[in-house]
Amino acid sequence: MEKYDGKNITIFVDADACPVKEEIASVAKKYKVPVCFIASYAHVGKKDDGNSWVFVDQEKESVDLYIFNNSKKHDIIITQDIGLAGMLLKKCTHVLSPRGMLFTEDTIDSVLHLRYISARERRNGNYIKGPKKFQDKDRHHFITAFEKILSNYAGNFKIHIE
């Protein structure tokens, strides 16, 4: 991990279909790191959880564009969108899936290639199974990976824990 420059980090969450929003809020509160949940207007509801919520147009890439345009080096982004993850890695952010997969420069090419192959197969009429149902073990794996990232910041970059 590159040395942190001392500026505040933010956690950005692609919140439309994120199954670990409560876990993100809980862990982030422990480390006193602000969270910004981004969702489309179609998901507006009662959001009095004490976190920042931003609502954007319902266009296909609106959430992705908001996250890309507002994130900075060392921020943490939680998304299932592999294409967005690939772009964000170029900004030196940390990108984590809701299942706890940390996207890195070393792994993103193979993940993007698998996405391309799957899309090509679907265009040819060959449909394969989608992702497995989200389970408690996925939730646990996410929390473990998320805590690891934040504890690295706390240990190296003076984030204060309650």
N, C-alpha and C. Protein backbone atom coordinates (compact mmCIF):
# COMPACT_ATOMS: atom_id res chain seq x y z
N MET A 1 0.85 -1.17 0.00
CA MET A 1 0.00 0.00 0.00
C MET A 1 0.90 1.24 0.00
N GLU A 2 0.58 2.15 -0.85
CA GLU A 2 1.34 3.40 -0.95
C GLU A 2 1.08 4.28 0.27
N LYS A 3 2.05 5.05 0.65
CA LYS A 3 1.92 5.92 1.82
C LYS A 3 0.76 6.90 1.63
N TYR A 4 -0.06 6.99 2.64
CA TYR A 4 -1.22 7.87 2.64
C TYR A 4 -0.77 9.31 2.83
N ASP A 5 -1.38 10.24 2.10
CA ASP A 5 -0.94 11.63 2.12
C ASP A 5 -1.55 12.47 3.24
N GLY A 6 -2.31 11.86 4.11
CA GLY A 6 -2.84 12.58 5.27
C GLY A 6 -4.21 13.19 5.05
N LYS A 7 -4.73 13.18 3.85
CA LYS A 7 -6.06 13.73 3.60
C LYS A 7 -7.10 12.69 4.00
N ASN A 8 -8.29 13.16 4.29
CA ASN A 8 -9.36 12.27 4.71
C ASN A 8 -9.76 11.32 3.59
N ILE A 9 -10.10 10.11 3.99
CA ILE A 9 -10.63 9.16 3.02
C ILE A 9 -12.14 9.11 3.16
N THR A 10 -12.79 8.67 2.11
CA THR A 10 -14.23 8.48 2.11
C THR A 10 -14.51 7.09 1.57
N ILE A 11 -15.56 6.48 2.08
CA ILE A 11 -16.03 5.21 1.56
C ILE A 11 -17.23 5.52 0.68
N PHE A 12 -17.14 5.14 -0.59
CA PHE A 12 -18.25 5.31 -1.52
C PHE A 12 -18.88 3.95 -1.76
N VAL A 13 -20.21 3.90 -1.72
CA VAL A 13 -20.92 2.64 -1.90
C VAL A 13 -21.89 2.75 -3.06
N ASP A 14 -21.72 1.86 -4.03
CA ASP A 14 -22.67 1.69 -5.13
C ASP A 14 -23.86 0.97 -4.51
N ALA A 15 -24.85 1.75 -4.03
CA ALA A 15 -25.84 1.25 -3.09
C ALA A 15 -27.10 0.64 -3.70
N ASP A 16 -27.30 0.75 -4.99
CA ASP A 16 -28.56 0.26 -5.56
C ASP A 16 -28.87 -1.20 -5.20
N ALA A 17 -27.93 -2.07 -5.34
CA ALA A 17 -28.17 -3.49 -5.06
C ALA A 17 -27.16 -4.05 -4.06
N CYS A 18 -26.64 -3.20 -3.21
CA CYS A 18 -25.61 -3.62 -2.26
C CYS A 18 -26.25 -4.34 -1.07
N PRO A 19 -25.89 -5.61 -0.83
CA PRO A 19 -26.49 -6.36 0.27
C PRO A 19 -25.81 -6.16 1.62
N VAL A 20 -24.78 -5.32 1.69
CA VAL A 20 -24.03 -5.17 2.95
C VAL A 20 -24.00 -3.71 3.43
N LYS A 21 -25.04 -2.96 3.16
CA LYS A 21 -25.06 -1.55 3.56
C LYS A 21 -24.96 -1.39 5.08
N GLU A 22 -25.70 -2.18 5.83
CA GLU A 22 -25.66 -2.07 7.29
C GLU A 22 -24.27 -2.39 7.84
N GLU A 23 -23.64 -3.40 7.27
CA GLU A 23 -22.30 -3.79 7.71
C GLU A 23 -21.28 -2.70 7.40
N ILE A 24 -21.42 -2.08 6.24
CA ILE A 24 -20.53 -0.98 5.86
C ILE A 24 -20.66 0.16 6.87
N ALA A 25 -21.89 0.55 7.15
CA ALA A 25 -22.13 1.66 8.08
C ALA A 25 -21.57 1.35 9.47
N SER A 26 -21.77 0.14 9.92
CA SER A 26 -21.30 -0.25 11.25
C SER A 26 -19.78 -0.24 11.35
N VAL A 27 -19.11 -0.87 10.40
CA VAL A 27 -17.65 -0.94 10.42
C VAL A 27 -17.05 0.45 10.22
N ALA A 28 -17.60 1.23 9.32
CA ALA A 28 -17.08 2.58 9.06
C ALA A 28 -17.22 3.47 10.29
N LYS A 29 -18.32 3.32 11.01
CA LYS A 29 -18.53 4.11 12.23
C LYS A 29 -17.45 3.77 13.26
N LYS A 30 -17.11 2.50 13.37
CA LYS A 30 -16.06 2.06 14.31
C LYS A 30 -14.73 2.76 14.02
N TYR A 31 -14.42 2.93 12.73
CA TYR A 31 -13.16 3.56 12.32
C TYR A 31 -13.29 5.06 12.07
N LYS A 32 -14.49 5.60 12.28
CA LYS A 32 -14.77 7.03 12.09
C LYS A 32 -14.43 7.50 10.68
N VAL A 33 -14.83 6.70 9.70
CA VAL A 33 -14.60 7.05 8.29
C VAL A 33 -15.97 7.35 7.67
N PRO A 34 -16.11 8.49 7.02
CA PRO A 34 -17.41 8.83 6.42
C PRO A 34 -17.77 7.91 5.26
N VAL A 35 -19.07 7.63 5.16
CA VAL A 35 -19.60 6.79 4.10
C VAL A 35 -20.56 7.62 3.26
N CYS A 36 -20.44 7.48 1.96
CA CYS A 36 -21.37 8.11 1.03
C CYS A 36 -22.03 7.01 0.20
N PHE A 37 -23.31 6.77 0.45
CA PHE A 37 -24.07 5.80 -0.32
C PHE A 37 -24.64 6.51 -1.54
N ILE A 38 -24.45 5.94 -2.71
CA ILE A 38 -24.97 6.54 -3.93
C ILE A 38 -25.97 5.58 -4.54
N ALA A 39 -27.16 6.09 -4.86
CA ALA A 39 -28.21 5.26 -5.44
C ALA A 39 -29.00 6.09 -6.44
N SER A 40 -29.75 5.41 -7.28
CA SER A 40 -30.60 6.12 -8.23
C SER A 40 -31.87 6.58 -7.52
N TYR A 41 -32.54 7.56 -8.14
CA TYR A 41 -33.78 8.08 -7.56
C TYR A 41 -34.82 6.98 -7.37
N ALA A 42 -34.72 5.90 -8.12
CA ALA A 42 -35.67 4.79 -7.98
C ALA A 42 -35.57 4.14 -6.60
N HIS A 43 -34.46 4.37 -5.89
CA HIS A 43 -34.25 3.76 -4.59
C HIS A 43 -34.37 4.75 -3.43
N VAL A 44 -34.98 5.90 -3.70
CA VAL A 44 -35.17 6.88 -2.63
C VAL A 44 -36.15 6.30 -1.63
N GLY A 45 -35.82 6.43 -0.41
CA GLY A 45 -36.68 5.96 0.67
C GLY A 45 -36.27 6.66 1.94
N LYS A 46 -36.75 6.19 3.04
CA LYS A 46 -36.40 6.78 4.33
C LYS A 46 -34.95 6.38 4.64
N LYS A 47 -34.05 7.36 4.65
CA LYS A 47 -32.62 7.12 4.87
C LYS A 47 -32.15 7.96 6.05
N ASP A 48 -32.60 7.63 7.24
CA ASP A 48 -32.20 8.39 8.42
C ASP A 48 -31.20 7.61 9.26
N ASP A 49 -30.28 6.96 8.58
CA ASP A 49 -29.31 6.10 9.26
C ASP A 49 -28.05 6.86 9.69
N GLY A 50 -28.04 8.17 9.53
CA GLY A 50 -26.89 8.96 9.93
C GLY A 50 -25.77 9.00 8.90
N ASN A 51 -25.96 8.36 7.78
CA ASN A 51 -24.95 8.35 6.72
C ASN A 51 -25.35 9.32 5.61
N SER A 52 -24.38 9.65 4.79
CA SER A 52 -24.63 10.52 3.65
C SER A 52 -25.21 9.68 2.51
N TRP A 53 -26.30 10.17 1.94
CA TRP A 53 -26.92 9.52 0.78
C TRP A 53 -26.98 10.52 -0.36
N VAL A 54 -26.59 10.08 -1.54
CA VAL A 54 -26.68 10.90 -2.75
C VAL A 54 -27.54 10.12 -3.73
N PHE A 55 -28.52 10.80 -4.30
CA PHE A 55 -29.39 10.16 -5.28
C PHE A 55 -29.14 10.81 -6.64
N VAL A 56 -29.00 9.97 -7.64
CA VAL A 56 -28.68 10.42 -9.00
C VAL A 56 -29.74 9.91 -9.97
N ASP A 57 -29.68 10.40 -11.20
CA ASP A 57 -30.61 9.97 -12.23
C ASP A 57 -30.63 8.45 -12.36
N GLN A 58 -31.70 7.95 -12.97
CA GLN A 58 -31.86 6.52 -13.15
C GLN A 58 -31.13 5.98 -14.38
N GLU A 59 -30.44 6.85 -15.10
CA GLU A 59 -29.70 6.39 -16.27
C GLU A 59 -28.72 5.29 -15.86
N LYS A 60 -28.39 4.44 -16.80
CA LYS A 60 -27.62 3.23 -16.52
C LYS A 60 -26.31 3.47 -15.77
N GLU A 61 -25.56 4.46 -16.11
CA GLU A 61 -24.23 4.66 -15.52
C GLU A 61 -24.14 5.85 -14.55
N SER A 62 -25.27 6.40 -14.13
CA SER A 62 -25.25 7.60 -13.29
C SER A 62 -24.54 7.39 -11.96
N VAL A 63 -24.81 6.28 -11.30
CA VAL A 63 -24.15 5.99 -10.02
C VAL A 63 -22.65 5.84 -10.24
N ASP A 64 -22.28 5.09 -11.28
CA ASP A 64 -20.86 4.86 -11.58
C ASP A 64 -20.15 6.18 -11.85
N LEU A 65 -20.77 7.04 -12.64
CA LEU A 65 -20.15 8.33 -12.95
C LEU A 65 -19.98 9.20 -11.72
N TYR A 66 -20.98 9.19 -10.85
CA TYR A 66 -20.86 9.97 -9.62
C TYR A 66 -19.68 9.47 -8.79
N ILE A 67 -19.59 8.17 -8.62
CA ILE A 67 -18.50 7.61 -7.81
C ILE A 67 -17.15 7.92 -8.46
N PHE A 68 -17.06 7.71 -9.75
CA PHE A 68 -15.78 7.96 -10.43
C PHE A 68 -15.37 9.44 -10.32
N ASN A 69 -16.32 10.33 -10.53
CA ASN A 69 -16.01 11.76 -10.52
C ASN A 69 -15.72 12.32 -9.13
N ASN A 70 -16.20 11.66 -8.08
CA ASN A 70 -16.06 12.21 -6.73
C ASN A 70 -15.06 11.46 -5.85
N SER A 71 -14.61 10.31 -6.28
CA SER A 71 -13.62 9.57 -5.48
C SER A 71 -12.23 10.09 -5.78
N LYS A 72 -11.34 9.85 -4.81
CA LYS A 72 -9.95 10.30 -4.96
C LYS A 72 -9.02 9.19 -4.46
N LYS A 73 -7.76 9.41 -4.67
CA LYS A 73 -6.73 8.48 -4.26
C LYS A 73 -6.94 8.09 -2.79
N HIS A 74 -6.83 6.79 -2.53
CA HIS A 74 -6.94 6.18 -1.20
C HIS A 74 -8.37 5.99 -0.73
N ASP A 75 -9.38 6.50 -1.42
CA ASP A 75 -10.75 6.24 -1.02
C ASP A 75 -11.04 4.75 -1.17
N ILE A 76 -12.11 4.31 -0.50
CA ILE A 76 -12.54 2.92 -0.57
C ILE A 76 -13.89 2.91 -1.27
N ILE A 77 -14.00 2.08 -2.30
CA ILE A 77 -15.25 1.99 -3.05
C ILE A 77 -15.76 0.57 -2.97
N ILE A 78 -17.06 0.43 -2.70
CA ILE A 78 -17.68 -0.88 -2.64
C ILE A 78 -18.68 -0.95 -3.79
N THR A 79 -18.41 -1.88 -4.71
CA THR A 79 -19.25 -2.01 -5.90
C THR A 79 -19.17 -3.43 -6.45
N GLN A 80 -20.22 -3.83 -7.13
CA GLN A 80 -20.23 -5.10 -7.85
C GLN A 80 -19.85 -4.89 -9.32
N ASP A 81 -19.73 -3.65 -9.73
CA ASP A 81 -19.49 -3.30 -11.13
C ASP A 81 -18.00 -3.44 -11.46
N ILE A 82 -17.67 -4.46 -12.23
CA ILE A 82 -16.28 -4.77 -12.55
C ILE A 82 -15.66 -3.70 -13.45
N GLY A 83 -16.43 -3.17 -14.38
CA GLY A 83 -15.93 -2.10 -15.24
C GLY A 83 -15.57 -0.86 -14.44
N LEU A 84 -16.45 -0.49 -13.51
CA LEU A 84 -16.18 0.64 -12.63
C LEU A 84 -14.94 0.36 -11.79
N ALA A 85 -14.82 -0.84 -11.29
CA ALA A 85 -13.65 -1.22 -10.48
C ALA A 85 -12.37 -1.01 -11.28
N GLY A 86 -12.37 -1.43 -12.53
CA GLY A 86 -11.18 -1.28 -13.37
C GLY A 86 -10.78 0.18 -13.54
N MET A 87 -11.76 1.04 -13.73
CA MET A 87 -11.47 2.47 -13.88
C MET A 87 -10.98 3.08 -12.58
N LEU A 88 -11.57 2.67 -11.47
CA LEU A 88 -11.21 3.25 -10.18
C LEU A 88 -9.81 2.85 -9.73
N LEU A 89 -9.36 1.68 -10.12
CA LEU A 89 -8.02 1.25 -9.74
C LEU A 89 -6.96 2.19 -10.32
N LYS A 90 -7.25 2.77 -11.47
CA LYS A 90 -6.31 3.72 -12.09
C LYS A 90 -6.19 5.00 -11.25
N LYS A 91 -7.17 5.24 -10.39
CA LYS A 91 -7.13 6.42 -9.51
C LYS A 91 -6.47 6.08 -8.17
N CYS A 92 -5.93 4.88 -8.04
CA CYS A 92 -5.29 4.43 -6.78
C CYS A 92 -6.26 4.39 -5.62
N THR A 93 -7.47 3.90 -5.87
CA THR A 93 -8.44 3.68 -4.82
C THR A 93 -8.40 2.20 -4.43
N HIS A 94 -9.10 1.88 -3.36
CA HIS A 94 -9.29 0.48 -2.96
C HIS A 94 -10.70 0.10 -3.37
N VAL A 95 -10.85 -0.97 -4.13
CA VAL A 95 -12.17 -1.36 -4.62
C VAL A 95 -12.47 -2.77 -4.13
N LEU A 96 -13.61 -2.89 -3.46
CA LEU A 96 -14.01 -4.13 -2.82
C LEU A 96 -15.43 -4.47 -3.27
N SER A 97 -15.66 -5.76 -3.57
CA SER A 97 -17.01 -6.19 -3.93
C SER A 97 -17.79 -6.49 -2.65
N PRO A 98 -19.12 -6.49 -2.71
CA PRO A 98 -19.92 -6.83 -1.52
C PRO A 98 -19.69 -8.25 -1.02
N ARG A 99 -19.05 -9.08 -1.83
CA ARG A 99 -18.70 -10.44 -1.39
C ARG A 99 -17.29 -10.50 -0.80
N GLY A 100 -16.62 -9.36 -0.74
CA GLY A 100 -15.30 -9.31 -0.12
C GLY A 100 -14.14 -9.52 -1.06
N MET A 101 -14.38 -9.48 -2.36
CA MET A 101 -13.28 -9.61 -3.31
C MET A 101 -12.62 -8.25 -3.49
N LEU A 102 -11.33 -8.18 -3.19
CA LEU A 102 -10.58 -6.96 -3.38
C LEU A 102 -10.04 -6.95 -4.80
N PHE A 103 -10.46 -5.97 -5.57
CA PHE A 103 -9.96 -5.84 -6.93
C PHE A 103 -8.59 -5.16 -6.87
N THR A 104 -7.64 -5.68 -7.61
CA THR A 104 -6.30 -5.09 -7.65
C THR A 104 -5.84 -4.99 -9.10
N GLU A 105 -4.78 -4.25 -9.31
CA GLU A 105 -4.19 -4.16 -10.66
C GLU A 105 -3.77 -5.54 -11.16
N ASP A 106 -3.38 -6.42 -10.24
CA ASP A 106 -2.94 -7.76 -10.62
C ASP A 106 -4.10 -8.67 -11.02
N THR A 107 -5.30 -8.42 -10.51
CA THR A 107 -6.43 -9.33 -10.77
C THR A 107 -7.47 -8.78 -11.74
N ILE A 108 -7.50 -7.47 -11.93
CA ILE A 108 -8.61 -6.88 -12.68
C ILE A 108 -8.67 -7.33 -14.13
N ASP A 109 -7.51 -7.53 -14.77
CA ASP A 109 -7.53 -7.95 -16.17
C ASP A 109 -8.22 -9.29 -16.36
N SER A 110 -7.94 -10.25 -15.49
CA SER A 110 -8.57 -11.56 -15.64
C SER A 110 -10.07 -11.49 -15.32
N VAL A 111 -10.45 -10.68 -14.35
CA VAL A 111 -11.86 -10.53 -14.01
C VAL A 111 -12.61 -9.86 -15.17
N LEU A 112 -12.02 -8.83 -15.75
CA LEU A 112 -12.64 -8.17 -16.91
C LEU A 112 -12.73 -9.11 -18.10
N HIS A 113 -11.71 -9.95 -18.29
CA HIS A 113 -11.73 -10.91 -19.39
C HIS A 113 -12.87 -11.93 -19.21
N LEU A 114 -13.05 -12.41 -18.00
CA LEU A 114 -14.15 -13.35 -17.74
C LEU A 114 -15.50 -12.68 -17.98
N ARG A 115 -15.62 -11.41 -17.62
CA ARG A 115 -16.85 -10.67 -17.88
C ARG A 115 -17.10 -10.57 -19.38
N TYR A 116 -16.04 -10.30 -20.13
CA TYR A 116 -16.15 -10.21 -21.59
C TYR A 116 -16.60 -11.55 -22.18
N ILE A 117 -16.00 -12.63 -21.75
CA ILE A 117 -16.37 -13.96 -22.27
C ILE A 117 -17.82 -14.27 -21.95
N SER A 118 -18.26 -13.98 -20.74
CA SER A 118 -19.65 -14.22 -20.36
C SER A 118 -20.61 -13.40 -21.22
N ALA A 119 -20.28 -12.14 -21.46
CA ALA A 119 -21.13 -11.28 -22.29
C ALA A 119 -21.19 -11.80 -23.72
N ARG A 120 -20.06 -12.24 -24.24
CA ARG A 120 -20.01 -12.79 -25.60
C ARG A 120 -20.87 -14.04 -25.70
N GLU A 121 -20.80 -14.89 -24.70
CA GLU A 121 -21.62 -16.11 -24.69
C GLU A 121 -23.11 -15.77 -24.64
N ARG A 122 -23.47 -14.78 -23.85
CA ARG A 122 -24.89 -14.38 -23.78
C ARG A 122 -25.37 -13.84 -25.12
N ARG A 123 -24.52 -13.06 -25.80
CA ARG A 123 -24.89 -12.55 -27.12
C ARG A 123 -25.09 -13.68 -28.12
N ASN A 124 -24.38 -14.77 -27.92
CA ASN A 124 -24.52 -15.93 -28.80
C ASN A 124 -25.64 -16.86 -28.36
N GLY A 125 -26.41 -16.46 -27.35
CA GLY A 125 -27.53 -17.26 -26.91
C GLY A 125 -27.19 -18.32 -25.88
N ASN A 126 -25.98 -18.34 -25.41
CA ASN A 126 -25.56 -19.32 -24.40
C ASN A 126 -25.60 -18.65 -23.02
N TYR A 127 -26.56 -19.05 -22.23
CA TYR A 127 -26.72 -18.44 -20.92
C TYR A 127 -26.19 -19.38 -19.85
N ILE A 128 -25.31 -18.84 -19.04
CA ILE A 128 -24.77 -19.62 -17.94
C ILE A 128 -25.40 -19.10 -16.65
N LYS A 129 -25.25 -19.87 -15.60
CA LYS A 129 -25.82 -19.46 -14.32
C LYS A 129 -25.21 -18.15 -13.87
N GLY A 130 -26.01 -17.36 -13.22
CA GLY A 130 -25.53 -16.11 -12.65
C GLY A 130 -24.82 -16.39 -11.34
N PRO A 131 -24.54 -15.35 -10.59
CA PRO A 131 -23.85 -15.55 -9.32
C PRO A 131 -24.72 -16.34 -8.34
N LYS A 132 -24.07 -17.03 -7.44
CA LYS A 132 -24.79 -17.77 -6.41
C LYS A 132 -25.51 -16.80 -5.50
N LYS A 133 -26.55 -17.28 -4.85
CA LYS A 133 -27.31 -16.47 -3.91
C LYS A 133 -26.37 -15.97 -2.81
N PHE A 134 -26.53 -14.70 -2.43
CA PHE A 134 -25.72 -14.10 -1.39
C PHE A 134 -26.02 -14.80 -0.07
N GLN A 135 -24.96 -15.23 0.62
CA GLN A 135 -25.12 -16.00 1.85
C GLN A 135 -24.39 -15.34 3.00
N ASP A 136 -24.61 -15.87 4.20
CA ASP A 136 -23.94 -15.34 5.39
C ASP A 136 -22.43 -15.45 5.28
N LYS A 137 -21.91 -16.49 4.64
CA LYS A 137 -20.46 -16.61 4.49
C LYS A 137 -19.92 -15.48 3.61
N ASP A 138 -20.70 -15.03 2.61
CA ASP A 138 -20.29 -13.89 1.78
C ASP A 138 -20.23 -12.63 2.63
N ARG A 139 -21.22 -12.46 3.48
CA ARG A 139 -21.28 -11.30 4.37
C ARG A 139 -20.06 -11.29 5.30
N HIS A 140 -19.74 -12.45 5.86
CA HIS A 140 -18.58 -12.56 6.76
C HIS A 140 -17.28 -12.27 6.00
N HIS A 141 -17.16 -12.81 4.80
CA HIS A 141 -15.96 -12.57 3.99
C HIS A 141 -15.81 -11.08 3.68
N PHE A 142 -16.91 -10.41 3.38
CA PHE A 142 -16.87 -8.97 3.12
C PHE A 142 -16.39 -8.22 4.35
N ILE A 143 -17.00 -8.50 5.50
CA ILE A 143 -16.64 -7.78 6.73
C ILE A 143 -15.16 -7.97 7.04
N THR A 144 -14.66 -9.18 6.88
CA THR A 144 -13.25 -9.46 7.14
C THR A 144 -12.35 -8.64 6.21
N ALA A 145 -12.65 -8.63 4.92
CA ALA A 145 -11.84 -7.89 3.95
C ALA A 145 -11.93 -6.38 4.20
N PHE A 146 -13.11 -5.88 4.49
CA PHE A 146 -13.33 -4.45 4.75
C PHE A 146 -12.58 -4.02 6.01
N GLU A 147 -12.69 -4.81 7.06
CA GLU A 147 -11.97 -4.52 8.31
C GLU A 147 -10.46 -4.50 8.06
N LYS A 148 -9.98 -5.40 7.23
CA LYS A 148 -8.54 -5.45 6.94
C LYS A 148 -8.07 -4.15 6.29
N ILE A 149 -8.82 -3.67 5.32
CA ILE A 149 -8.46 -2.41 4.65
C ILE A 149 -8.45 -1.26 5.66
N LEU A 150 -9.51 -1.15 6.44
CA LEU A 150 -9.61 -0.05 7.39
C LEU A 150 -8.59 -0.17 8.52
N SER A 151 -8.28 -1.38 8.95
CA SER A 151 -7.27 -1.53 10.01
C SER A 151 -5.89 -1.16 9.50
N ASN A 152 -5.63 -1.39 8.20
CA ASN A 152 -4.36 -0.94 7.61
C ASN A 152 -4.27 0.58 7.66
N TYR A 153 -5.37 1.25 7.38
CA TYR A 153 -5.38 2.71 7.47
C TYR A 153 -5.18 3.13 8.92
N ALA A 154 -5.89 2.49 9.83
CA ALA A 154 -5.80 2.87 11.24
C ALA A 154 -4.38 2.65 11.77
N GLY A 155 -3.74 1.58 11.33
CA GLY A 155 -2.40 1.28 11.80
C GLY A 155 -1.34 2.18 11.19
N ASN A 156 -1.52 2.58 9.96
CA ASN A 156 -0.50 3.34 9.24
C ASN A 156 -0.82 4.82 9.09
N PHE A 157 -2.09 5.17 9.16
CA PHE A 157 -2.46 6.51 8.77
C PHE A 157 -3.23 7.27 9.84
N LYS A 158 -3.17 6.79 11.06
CA LYS A 158 -3.71 7.51 12.22
C LYS A 158 -5.20 7.77 12.15
N ILE A 159 -5.96 6.78 11.68
CA ILE A 159 -7.41 6.86 11.84
C ILE A 159 -7.68 6.41 13.28
N HIS A 160 -8.47 7.14 14.01
CA HIS A 160 -8.70 6.82 15.42
C HIS A 160 -9.92 5.94 15.56
N ILE A 161 -9.77 4.88 16.32
CA ILE A 161 -10.87 3.93 16.56
C ILE A 161 -11.49 4.23 17.91
N GLU A 162 -12.83 4.15 17.96
CA GLU A 162 -13.55 4.38 19.23
C GLU A 162 -13.23 3.29 20.22
